[in-house]
N, C-alpha and C. Protein backbone atom coordinates (compact mmCIF):
# COMPACT_ATOMS: atom_id res chain seq x y z
N MET A 1 0.83 -1.19 0.00
CA MET A 1 0.00 0.00 0.00
C MET A 1 0.88 1.26 0.00
N ILE A 2 1.90 1.26 0.84
CA ILE A 2 2.79 2.41 0.91
C ILE A 2 3.45 2.64 -0.45
N ARG A 3 3.89 1.55 -1.07
CA ARG A 3 4.56 1.68 -2.37
C ARG A 3 3.63 2.29 -3.41
N LEU A 4 2.36 1.93 -3.35
CA LEU A 4 1.39 2.48 -4.30
C LEU A 4 1.27 3.99 -4.15
N PHE A 5 1.15 4.48 -2.91
CA PHE A 5 1.05 5.91 -2.69
C PHE A 5 2.31 6.65 -3.13
N VAL A 6 3.46 6.08 -2.82
CA VAL A 6 4.72 6.70 -3.22
C VAL A 6 4.83 6.73 -4.75
N LEU A 7 4.48 5.63 -5.39
CA LEU A 7 4.51 5.57 -6.85
C LEU A 7 3.58 6.62 -7.46
N LEU A 8 2.37 6.73 -6.93
CA LEU A 8 1.44 7.74 -7.43
C LEU A 8 2.00 9.15 -7.26
N ALA A 9 2.61 9.40 -6.12
CA ALA A 9 3.17 10.73 -5.87
C ALA A 9 4.30 11.05 -6.84
N VAL A 10 5.11 10.05 -7.19
CA VAL A 10 6.21 10.26 -8.11
C VAL A 10 5.69 10.52 -9.53
N LEU A 11 4.62 9.82 -9.89
CA LEU A 11 4.10 9.93 -11.24
C LEU A 11 3.30 11.20 -11.50
N VAL A 12 2.87 11.88 -10.45
CA VAL A 12 2.09 13.09 -10.63
C VAL A 12 3.02 14.22 -11.05
N PRO A 13 2.73 14.88 -12.15
CA PRO A 13 3.59 15.99 -12.57
C PRO A 13 3.61 17.09 -11.53
N GLY A 14 4.72 17.80 -11.47
CA GLY A 14 4.88 18.88 -10.50
C GLY A 14 3.78 19.92 -10.58
N ALA A 15 3.27 20.19 -11.76
CA ALA A 15 2.22 21.19 -11.89
C ALA A 15 0.95 20.78 -11.16
N ALA A 16 0.71 19.47 -11.09
CA ALA A 16 -0.49 19.00 -10.41
C ALA A 16 -0.39 19.21 -8.91
N LEU A 17 0.79 19.41 -8.40
CA LEU A 17 0.95 19.61 -6.97
C LEU A 17 0.53 21.00 -6.53
N ALA A 18 -0.02 21.78 -7.45
CA ALA A 18 -0.55 23.08 -7.08
C ALA A 18 -1.81 22.91 -6.25
N HIS A 19 -2.39 21.73 -6.23
CA HIS A 19 -3.50 21.36 -5.36
C HIS A 19 -4.77 22.16 -5.57
N HIS A 20 -5.03 22.63 -6.72
CA HIS A 20 -6.25 23.41 -6.91
C HIS A 20 -7.19 22.68 -7.84
N PRO A 21 -8.33 22.20 -7.31
CA PRO A 21 -9.24 21.40 -8.11
C PRO A 21 -9.93 22.17 -9.24
N MET A 22 -9.90 23.48 -9.20
CA MET A 22 -10.56 24.26 -10.24
C MET A 22 -9.56 24.77 -11.28
N GLY A 23 -8.39 24.18 -11.32
CA GLY A 23 -7.39 24.56 -12.31
C GLY A 23 -6.90 25.99 -12.17
N GLY A 24 -6.91 26.50 -10.98
CA GLY A 24 -6.42 27.85 -10.74
C GLY A 24 -7.50 28.92 -10.77
N ALA A 25 -8.70 28.57 -11.19
CA ALA A 25 -9.79 29.54 -11.23
C ALA A 25 -10.30 29.80 -9.81
N MET A 26 -10.61 31.04 -9.53
CA MET A 26 -11.11 31.41 -8.22
C MET A 26 -12.57 30.98 -8.08
N PRO A 27 -12.95 30.37 -6.96
CA PRO A 27 -14.36 30.01 -6.78
C PRO A 27 -15.23 31.26 -6.70
N GLU A 28 -16.35 31.22 -7.42
CA GLU A 28 -17.25 32.38 -7.46
C GLU A 28 -18.59 32.12 -6.81
N THR A 29 -18.92 30.85 -6.58
CA THR A 29 -20.20 30.50 -5.98
C THR A 29 -19.96 29.68 -4.71
N LEU A 30 -21.04 29.50 -3.94
CA LEU A 30 -20.93 28.66 -2.75
C LEU A 30 -20.48 27.25 -3.13
N TRP A 31 -21.11 26.67 -4.14
CA TRP A 31 -20.78 25.32 -4.56
C TRP A 31 -19.32 25.22 -5.00
N GLN A 32 -18.86 26.17 -5.80
CA GLN A 32 -17.46 26.15 -6.25
C GLN A 32 -16.51 26.27 -5.06
N GLY A 33 -16.86 27.12 -4.11
CA GLY A 33 -16.03 27.27 -2.91
C GLY A 33 -15.97 25.98 -2.12
N PHE A 34 -17.12 25.33 -1.93
CA PHE A 34 -17.15 24.08 -1.18
C PHE A 34 -16.38 22.99 -1.92
N ALA A 35 -16.63 22.85 -3.21
CA ALA A 35 -15.96 21.81 -4.01
C ALA A 35 -14.45 22.03 -4.02
N SER A 36 -14.04 23.28 -4.13
CA SER A 36 -12.61 23.58 -4.12
C SER A 36 -12.00 23.25 -2.77
N GLY A 37 -12.73 23.56 -1.70
CA GLY A 37 -12.25 23.25 -0.36
C GLY A 37 -12.12 21.76 -0.12
N VAL A 38 -13.09 20.99 -0.59
CA VAL A 38 -13.04 19.54 -0.44
C VAL A 38 -11.88 18.97 -1.27
N GLY A 39 -11.68 19.51 -2.45
CA GLY A 39 -10.66 18.97 -3.34
C GLY A 39 -9.23 19.27 -2.96
N HIS A 40 -8.98 20.47 -2.44
CA HIS A 40 -7.60 20.90 -2.21
C HIS A 40 -6.81 19.93 -1.32
N PRO A 41 -7.31 19.55 -0.15
CA PRO A 41 -6.52 18.63 0.68
C PRO A 41 -6.41 17.22 0.12
N VAL A 42 -7.30 16.86 -0.81
CA VAL A 42 -7.30 15.50 -1.34
C VAL A 42 -6.34 15.37 -2.53
N ILE A 43 -6.30 16.37 -3.40
CA ILE A 43 -5.44 16.25 -4.58
C ILE A 43 -4.02 16.74 -4.31
N GLY A 44 -3.83 17.40 -3.20
CA GLY A 44 -2.48 17.81 -2.80
C GLY A 44 -1.84 16.68 -2.01
N PHE A 45 -0.93 15.93 -2.64
CA PHE A 45 -0.34 14.77 -1.97
C PHE A 45 0.33 15.12 -0.65
N ASP A 46 0.95 16.30 -0.57
CA ASP A 46 1.61 16.64 0.69
C ASP A 46 0.58 16.86 1.79
N HIS A 47 -0.52 17.52 1.48
CA HIS A 47 -1.57 17.74 2.49
C HIS A 47 -2.23 16.42 2.87
N LEU A 48 -2.56 15.61 1.88
CA LEU A 48 -3.20 14.33 2.15
C LEU A 48 -2.27 13.42 2.96
N ALA A 49 -1.00 13.40 2.61
CA ALA A 49 -0.04 12.58 3.36
C ALA A 49 0.06 13.05 4.81
N PHE A 50 0.01 14.37 5.02
CA PHE A 50 0.06 14.87 6.40
C PHE A 50 -1.17 14.42 7.17
N ILE A 51 -2.34 14.54 6.55
CA ILE A 51 -3.58 14.13 7.23
C ILE A 51 -3.52 12.66 7.60
N ILE A 52 -3.05 11.82 6.68
CA ILE A 52 -2.94 10.39 6.94
C ILE A 52 -1.93 10.12 8.06
N GLY A 53 -0.76 10.74 7.98
CA GLY A 53 0.27 10.56 9.01
C GLY A 53 -0.17 11.09 10.36
N MET A 54 -0.83 12.25 10.34
CA MET A 54 -1.31 12.85 11.59
C MET A 54 -2.37 11.98 12.23
N ALA A 55 -3.30 11.47 11.43
CA ALA A 55 -4.34 10.60 11.97
C ALA A 55 -3.73 9.36 12.61
N ALA A 56 -2.71 8.81 11.95
CA ALA A 56 -2.04 7.62 12.48
C ALA A 56 -1.30 7.94 13.77
N LEU A 57 -0.52 9.01 13.77
CA LEU A 57 0.25 9.37 14.96
C LEU A 57 -0.68 9.73 16.12
N ALA A 58 -1.81 10.34 15.81
CA ALA A 58 -2.78 10.72 16.84
C ALA A 58 -3.32 9.50 17.58
N LEU A 59 -3.32 8.34 16.91
CA LEU A 59 -3.78 7.12 17.56
C LEU A 59 -2.90 6.74 18.74
N LEU A 60 -1.69 7.25 18.78
CA LEU A 60 -0.77 6.96 19.88
C LEU A 60 -0.91 7.93 21.05
N THR A 61 -1.86 8.87 20.94
CA THR A 61 -2.11 9.82 22.02
C THR A 61 -3.33 9.37 22.82
N LYS A 62 -3.56 10.05 23.93
CA LYS A 62 -4.74 9.74 24.75
C LYS A 62 -6.00 10.41 24.24
N ALA A 63 -5.87 11.25 23.21
CA ALA A 63 -7.03 11.95 22.66
C ALA A 63 -6.98 11.93 21.12
N PRO A 64 -7.06 10.74 20.54
CA PRO A 64 -6.87 10.65 19.09
C PRO A 64 -7.88 11.44 18.26
N ARG A 65 -9.12 11.56 18.71
CA ARG A 65 -10.13 12.29 17.93
C ARG A 65 -9.95 13.81 18.02
N LEU A 66 -9.32 14.27 19.09
CA LEU A 66 -9.12 15.71 19.25
C LEU A 66 -7.94 16.23 18.43
N MET A 67 -6.99 15.37 18.15
CA MET A 67 -5.78 15.81 17.43
C MET A 67 -6.11 16.35 16.03
N PRO A 68 -6.95 15.67 15.24
CA PRO A 68 -7.31 16.25 13.94
C PRO A 68 -8.01 17.60 14.06
N LEU A 69 -8.75 17.79 15.14
CA LEU A 69 -9.42 19.09 15.34
C LEU A 69 -8.40 20.20 15.54
N ALA A 70 -7.30 19.91 16.25
CA ALA A 70 -6.24 20.90 16.44
C ALA A 70 -5.64 21.29 15.10
N PHE A 71 -5.36 20.29 14.27
CA PHE A 71 -4.80 20.55 12.95
C PHE A 71 -5.77 21.35 12.09
N VAL A 72 -7.00 20.87 11.98
CA VAL A 72 -7.97 21.51 11.10
C VAL A 72 -8.31 22.93 11.56
N GLY A 73 -8.45 23.11 12.86
CA GLY A 73 -8.72 24.46 13.37
C GLY A 73 -7.64 25.45 12.97
N MET A 74 -6.40 24.99 13.02
CA MET A 74 -5.30 25.89 12.67
C MET A 74 -5.13 26.04 11.15
N THR A 75 -5.65 25.07 10.36
CA THR A 75 -5.63 25.30 8.91
C THR A 75 -6.56 26.46 8.55
N VAL A 76 -7.65 26.57 9.27
CA VAL A 76 -8.56 27.71 9.05
C VAL A 76 -7.83 29.01 9.41
N VAL A 77 -7.13 29.01 10.53
CA VAL A 77 -6.35 30.20 10.92
C VAL A 77 -5.31 30.53 9.86
N GLY A 78 -4.60 29.54 9.35
CA GLY A 78 -3.59 29.77 8.32
C GLY A 78 -4.19 30.37 7.06
N THR A 79 -5.35 29.88 6.65
CA THR A 79 -6.02 30.44 5.48
C THR A 79 -6.40 31.90 5.73
N LEU A 80 -6.94 32.17 6.89
CA LEU A 80 -7.33 33.55 7.21
C LEU A 80 -6.10 34.48 7.26
N LEU A 81 -4.97 33.97 7.74
CA LEU A 81 -3.75 34.77 7.72
C LEU A 81 -3.36 35.12 6.28
N HIS A 82 -3.44 34.13 5.39
CA HIS A 82 -3.11 34.38 3.98
C HIS A 82 -4.06 35.43 3.40
N LEU A 83 -5.33 35.33 3.74
CA LEU A 83 -6.30 36.28 3.21
C LEU A 83 -6.10 37.69 3.76
N GLN A 84 -5.42 37.79 4.90
CA GLN A 84 -5.10 39.09 5.47
C GLN A 84 -3.73 39.60 5.00
N ALA A 85 -3.17 38.93 4.00
CA ALA A 85 -1.89 39.29 3.38
C ALA A 85 -0.70 39.16 4.34
N VAL A 86 -0.83 38.30 5.34
CA VAL A 86 0.30 37.97 6.20
C VAL A 86 1.16 36.97 5.43
N THR A 87 2.46 37.18 5.44
CA THR A 87 3.37 36.28 4.73
C THR A 87 4.04 35.33 5.71
N LEU A 88 3.91 34.05 5.44
CA LEU A 88 4.63 33.05 6.22
C LEU A 88 5.82 32.62 5.37
N PRO A 89 7.03 32.89 5.84
CA PRO A 89 8.21 32.54 5.04
C PRO A 89 8.39 31.03 4.89
N ALA A 90 8.87 30.64 3.73
CA ALA A 90 9.21 29.25 3.43
C ALA A 90 8.06 28.28 3.71
N ALA A 91 6.84 28.70 3.41
CA ALA A 91 5.66 27.88 3.73
C ALA A 91 5.73 26.50 3.10
N GLU A 92 6.08 26.41 1.83
CA GLU A 92 6.12 25.09 1.17
C GLU A 92 7.20 24.20 1.77
N LEU A 93 8.32 24.79 2.14
CA LEU A 93 9.39 24.01 2.78
C LEU A 93 8.93 23.50 4.15
N VAL A 94 8.25 24.34 4.91
CA VAL A 94 7.75 23.94 6.22
C VAL A 94 6.70 22.83 6.07
N ILE A 95 5.86 22.95 5.05
CA ILE A 95 4.85 21.91 4.81
C ILE A 95 5.53 20.58 4.51
N ALA A 96 6.49 20.60 3.60
CA ALA A 96 7.21 19.36 3.26
C ALA A 96 7.90 18.78 4.49
N ALA A 97 8.54 19.63 5.29
CA ALA A 97 9.22 19.16 6.50
C ALA A 97 8.22 18.61 7.51
N SER A 98 7.04 19.22 7.59
CA SER A 98 6.02 18.73 8.54
C SER A 98 5.53 17.35 8.14
N VAL A 99 5.39 17.11 6.85
CA VAL A 99 4.95 15.79 6.38
C VAL A 99 6.01 14.75 6.72
N LEU A 100 7.25 15.07 6.45
CA LEU A 100 8.35 14.15 6.76
C LEU A 100 8.43 13.89 8.27
N LEU A 101 8.36 14.94 9.07
CA LEU A 101 8.46 14.81 10.53
C LEU A 101 7.34 13.94 11.09
N ILE A 102 6.11 14.18 10.62
CA ILE A 102 4.98 13.41 11.15
C ILE A 102 5.17 11.92 10.82
N GLY A 103 5.70 11.66 9.63
CA GLY A 103 5.95 10.28 9.24
C GLY A 103 7.03 9.62 10.06
N VAL A 104 8.12 10.34 10.28
CA VAL A 104 9.23 9.79 11.08
C VAL A 104 8.76 9.52 12.50
N LEU A 105 8.02 10.44 13.07
CA LEU A 105 7.52 10.23 14.44
C LEU A 105 6.60 9.01 14.50
N GLY A 106 5.79 8.84 13.47
CA GLY A 106 4.90 7.69 13.43
C GLY A 106 5.66 6.38 13.29
N LEU A 107 6.67 6.37 12.43
CA LEU A 107 7.47 5.15 12.26
C LEU A 107 8.23 4.80 13.53
N MET A 108 8.61 5.82 14.29
CA MET A 108 9.31 5.59 15.56
C MET A 108 8.34 5.14 16.65
N GLY A 109 7.04 5.28 16.39
CA GLY A 109 6.05 4.94 17.41
C GLY A 109 6.04 5.93 18.54
N ALA A 110 6.35 7.21 18.22
CA ALA A 110 6.43 8.25 19.24
C ALA A 110 5.08 8.46 19.92
N LYS A 111 5.06 8.27 21.21
CA LYS A 111 3.84 8.50 21.99
C LYS A 111 3.95 9.87 22.64
N LEU A 112 3.49 10.87 21.89
CA LEU A 112 3.59 12.25 22.37
C LEU A 112 2.46 12.56 23.34
N PRO A 113 2.75 13.37 24.36
CA PRO A 113 1.65 13.85 25.20
C PRO A 113 0.64 14.62 24.33
N ALA A 114 -0.61 14.54 24.68
CA ALA A 114 -1.67 15.14 23.86
C ALA A 114 -1.42 16.62 23.58
N LEU A 115 -0.97 17.37 24.57
CA LEU A 115 -0.74 18.80 24.36
C LEU A 115 0.41 19.05 23.39
N VAL A 116 1.45 18.25 23.47
CA VAL A 116 2.59 18.38 22.56
C VAL A 116 2.15 18.03 21.14
N ALA A 117 1.41 16.93 21.01
CA ALA A 117 0.92 16.53 19.69
C ALA A 117 0.00 17.60 19.10
N ALA A 118 -0.92 18.12 19.93
CA ALA A 118 -1.84 19.15 19.45
C ALA A 118 -1.08 20.40 19.00
N ALA A 119 -0.04 20.77 19.75
CA ALA A 119 0.77 21.94 19.38
C ALA A 119 1.50 21.69 18.06
N LEU A 120 2.06 20.50 17.90
CA LEU A 120 2.76 20.15 16.67
C LEU A 120 1.79 20.15 15.48
N PHE A 121 0.65 19.49 15.64
CA PHE A 121 -0.34 19.44 14.56
C PHE A 121 -0.88 20.83 14.26
N GLY A 122 -1.10 21.62 15.30
CA GLY A 122 -1.62 22.98 15.10
C GLY A 122 -0.63 23.87 14.37
N ALA A 123 0.65 23.79 14.75
CA ALA A 123 1.67 24.60 14.06
C ALA A 123 1.75 24.22 12.59
N ALA A 124 1.73 22.92 12.31
CA ALA A 124 1.74 22.48 10.91
C ALA A 124 0.48 22.95 10.20
N GLY A 125 -0.63 22.92 10.91
CA GLY A 125 -1.90 23.35 10.33
C GLY A 125 -1.89 24.78 9.84
N VAL A 126 -1.20 25.66 10.56
CA VAL A 126 -1.11 27.06 10.12
C VAL A 126 -0.48 27.13 8.73
N PHE A 127 0.57 26.38 8.51
CA PHE A 127 1.27 26.42 7.21
C PHE A 127 0.47 25.72 6.11
N HIS A 128 -0.15 24.59 6.43
CA HIS A 128 -0.98 23.92 5.43
C HIS A 128 -2.17 24.84 5.06
N GLY A 129 -2.77 25.44 6.06
CA GLY A 129 -3.88 26.36 5.80
C GLY A 129 -3.46 27.58 5.01
N TYR A 130 -2.27 28.06 5.29
CA TYR A 130 -1.74 29.19 4.54
C TYR A 130 -1.67 28.84 3.05
N ALA A 131 -1.20 27.63 2.76
CA ALA A 131 -1.15 27.18 1.36
C ALA A 131 -2.55 27.05 0.79
N TYR A 132 -3.49 26.55 1.57
CA TYR A 132 -4.87 26.45 1.10
C TYR A 132 -5.42 27.83 0.73
N GLY A 133 -5.02 28.83 1.47
CA GLY A 133 -5.55 30.19 1.26
C GLY A 133 -5.27 30.77 -0.10
N GLU A 134 -4.21 30.31 -0.74
CA GLU A 134 -3.85 30.84 -2.06
C GLU A 134 -4.99 30.66 -3.06
N ALA A 135 -5.76 29.61 -2.90
CA ALA A 135 -6.84 29.30 -3.85
C ALA A 135 -8.00 30.27 -3.78
N VAL A 136 -8.13 31.02 -2.70
CA VAL A 136 -9.29 31.90 -2.55
C VAL A 136 -8.93 33.37 -2.34
N VAL A 137 -7.68 33.71 -2.54
CA VAL A 137 -7.30 35.12 -2.42
C VAL A 137 -8.08 35.93 -3.45
N GLY A 138 -8.81 36.92 -3.00
CA GLY A 138 -9.58 37.77 -3.88
C GLY A 138 -11.02 37.32 -4.08
N ALA A 139 -11.40 36.17 -3.54
CA ALA A 139 -12.77 35.67 -3.69
C ALA A 139 -13.71 36.45 -2.76
N GLU A 140 -14.99 36.37 -3.08
CA GLU A 140 -16.02 36.97 -2.22
C GLU A 140 -16.15 36.16 -0.93
N ALA A 141 -16.83 36.72 0.05
CA ALA A 141 -16.95 36.08 1.36
C ALA A 141 -17.66 34.73 1.31
N SER A 142 -18.76 34.62 0.57
CA SER A 142 -19.54 33.37 0.55
C SER A 142 -18.73 32.18 0.04
N PRO A 143 -18.03 32.29 -1.11
CA PRO A 143 -17.21 31.15 -1.54
C PRO A 143 -16.07 30.84 -0.56
N ILE A 144 -15.54 31.86 0.09
CA ILE A 144 -14.47 31.63 1.06
C ILE A 144 -15.00 30.82 2.24
N ILE A 145 -16.15 31.18 2.75
CA ILE A 145 -16.74 30.45 3.88
C ILE A 145 -17.03 29.01 3.47
N ALA A 146 -17.59 28.82 2.27
CA ALA A 146 -17.86 27.47 1.78
C ALA A 146 -16.56 26.68 1.60
N TYR A 147 -15.52 27.35 1.16
CA TYR A 147 -14.20 26.72 0.99
C TYR A 147 -13.67 26.23 2.34
N LEU A 148 -13.76 27.09 3.34
CA LEU A 148 -13.30 26.72 4.69
C LEU A 148 -14.08 25.52 5.21
N ILE A 149 -15.39 25.53 5.03
CA ILE A 149 -16.23 24.41 5.47
C ILE A 149 -15.84 23.14 4.72
N GLY A 150 -15.63 23.27 3.41
CA GLY A 150 -15.27 22.11 2.59
C GLY A 150 -13.97 21.47 3.02
N PHE A 151 -12.91 22.28 3.19
CA PHE A 151 -11.64 21.64 3.54
C PHE A 151 -11.62 21.18 4.99
N ALA A 152 -12.36 21.85 5.88
CA ALA A 152 -12.44 21.36 7.25
C ALA A 152 -13.16 20.02 7.29
N PHE A 153 -14.27 19.92 6.58
CA PHE A 153 -15.05 18.69 6.55
C PHE A 153 -14.24 17.52 6.02
N VAL A 154 -13.60 17.70 4.88
CA VAL A 154 -12.90 16.56 4.25
C VAL A 154 -11.70 16.11 5.09
N GLN A 155 -11.00 17.04 5.71
CA GLN A 155 -9.84 16.65 6.52
C GLN A 155 -10.28 15.86 7.76
N ILE A 156 -11.33 16.31 8.42
CA ILE A 156 -11.84 15.60 9.59
C ILE A 156 -12.36 14.22 9.17
N ALA A 157 -13.09 14.18 8.05
CA ALA A 157 -13.64 12.90 7.58
C ALA A 157 -12.53 11.90 7.28
N ILE A 158 -11.48 12.35 6.63
CA ILE A 158 -10.36 11.45 6.31
C ILE A 158 -9.69 10.97 7.60
N ALA A 159 -9.35 11.90 8.48
CA ALA A 159 -8.63 11.53 9.71
C ALA A 159 -9.46 10.61 10.58
N TRP A 160 -10.69 10.98 10.86
CA TRP A 160 -11.52 10.14 11.73
C TRP A 160 -11.86 8.81 11.06
N GLY A 161 -12.08 8.85 9.76
CA GLY A 161 -12.36 7.60 9.04
C GLY A 161 -11.20 6.62 9.13
N LEU A 162 -9.99 7.12 8.93
CA LEU A 162 -8.81 6.26 9.04
C LEU A 162 -8.63 5.75 10.46
N GLN A 163 -8.86 6.62 11.43
CA GLN A 163 -8.72 6.19 12.82
C GLN A 163 -9.73 5.10 13.18
N LEU A 164 -10.97 5.29 12.76
CA LEU A 164 -11.99 4.27 13.05
C LEU A 164 -11.66 2.95 12.36
N ALA A 165 -11.21 3.02 11.13
CA ALA A 165 -10.84 1.81 10.39
C ALA A 165 -9.69 1.09 11.09
N ALA A 166 -8.71 1.86 11.55
CA ALA A 166 -7.57 1.26 12.25
C ALA A 166 -8.02 0.58 13.53
N GLU A 167 -8.86 1.27 14.29
CA GLU A 167 -9.32 0.72 15.57
C GLU A 167 -10.18 -0.53 15.38
N ARG A 168 -11.02 -0.50 14.38
CA ARG A 168 -11.95 -1.63 14.16
C ARG A 168 -11.28 -2.82 13.49
N SER A 169 -10.17 -2.59 12.83
CA SER A 169 -9.50 -3.68 12.12
C SER A 169 -8.74 -4.60 13.07
N GLY A 170 -8.41 -4.08 14.24
CA GLY A 170 -7.60 -4.86 15.17
C GLY A 170 -6.13 -4.88 14.78
N ARG A 171 -5.78 -4.09 13.77
CA ARG A 171 -4.38 -4.03 13.30
C ARG A 171 -3.88 -2.60 13.34
N MET A 172 -4.06 -1.97 14.47
CA MET A 172 -3.72 -0.57 14.59
C MET A 172 -2.25 -0.30 14.32
N ALA A 173 -1.38 -1.15 14.80
CA ALA A 173 0.07 -0.94 14.59
C ALA A 173 0.39 -0.91 13.10
N GLY A 174 -0.22 -1.78 12.34
CA GLY A 174 -0.01 -1.79 10.89
C GLY A 174 -0.51 -0.54 10.22
N TRP A 175 -1.66 -0.06 10.65
CA TRP A 175 -2.21 1.18 10.09
C TRP A 175 -1.30 2.36 10.42
N ILE A 176 -0.80 2.40 11.64
CA ILE A 176 0.07 3.50 12.05
C ILE A 176 1.35 3.49 11.19
N LYS A 177 1.95 2.33 11.02
CA LYS A 177 3.16 2.23 10.20
C LYS A 177 2.88 2.60 8.76
N ALA A 178 1.75 2.17 8.21
CA ALA A 178 1.41 2.49 6.82
C ALA A 178 1.21 3.99 6.65
N GLY A 179 0.45 4.60 7.55
CA GLY A 179 0.22 6.04 7.47
C GLY A 179 1.51 6.83 7.61
N ALA A 180 2.35 6.41 8.53
CA ALA A 180 3.64 7.07 8.74
C ALA A 180 4.54 6.89 7.53
N GLY A 181 4.52 5.70 6.95
CA GLY A 181 5.35 5.43 5.77
C GLY A 181 4.95 6.29 4.59
N ILE A 182 3.67 6.47 4.39
CA ILE A 182 3.18 7.34 3.32
C ILE A 182 3.68 8.76 3.53
N ALA A 183 3.55 9.24 4.76
CA ALA A 183 4.00 10.60 5.06
C ALA A 183 5.50 10.75 4.85
N VAL A 184 6.29 9.77 5.25
CA VAL A 184 7.74 9.85 5.06
C VAL A 184 8.07 9.92 3.57
N GLY A 185 7.46 9.04 2.79
CA GLY A 185 7.75 9.02 1.35
C GLY A 185 7.38 10.32 0.67
N VAL A 186 6.20 10.82 0.91
CA VAL A 186 5.77 12.06 0.26
C VAL A 186 6.56 13.25 0.78
N GLY A 187 6.81 13.30 2.09
CA GLY A 187 7.57 14.41 2.66
C GLY A 187 8.99 14.46 2.12
N ALA A 188 9.63 13.30 2.00
CA ALA A 188 11.00 13.26 1.47
C ALA A 188 11.03 13.71 0.02
N MET A 189 10.05 13.27 -0.76
CA MET A 189 9.99 13.69 -2.17
C MET A 189 9.75 15.20 -2.29
N ALA A 190 8.87 15.72 -1.43
CA ALA A 190 8.59 17.15 -1.49
C ALA A 190 9.82 17.97 -1.12
N LEU A 191 10.58 17.52 -0.13
CA LEU A 191 11.79 18.23 0.25
C LEU A 191 12.86 18.13 -0.83
N ALA A 192 12.92 16.98 -1.50
CA ALA A 192 13.91 16.78 -2.54
C ALA A 192 13.57 17.54 -3.81
N GLY A 193 12.26 17.72 -4.04
CA GLY A 193 11.81 18.35 -5.30
C GLY A 193 11.76 19.80 -5.16
């Protein structure tokens, strides 16, 4: 499974890593905003790999369902910072490093205290959200709100869905290693590229 994700990430042209489901067009309607928000974290391999790795690593904390909320809440903050023309230096580099770090911690089986994990996920969330914000700079308020709802919904759904699947499968250690491995592969490629 890990090899499949890494292979897909390698085969995707660099231009596709712009992560914008509307091909760079700004969302103009509520539906476009929502669809763009849902699509951005899914088609961006670095964002998706972070969500997968974060969901896996969160399983090693005492509050696994709260950890994705810390990340997603701060992605909203990061997007709002971008919309306020705040510049976060080296955002793409920090995103790539966050994906790699989350994967390495997962592979090590790091059992972080919940507050430390939430702070780590939240800090990464600001940068991931900042990148998400690029897609809606200049958009009207309604599509922006729909965009925020869309990307918050899909990230929570992915994280909680993976966590539930891991818990119900009885093979949580395998799920954690797989999620961490995906994050390591994508993070390393993003840093190298």
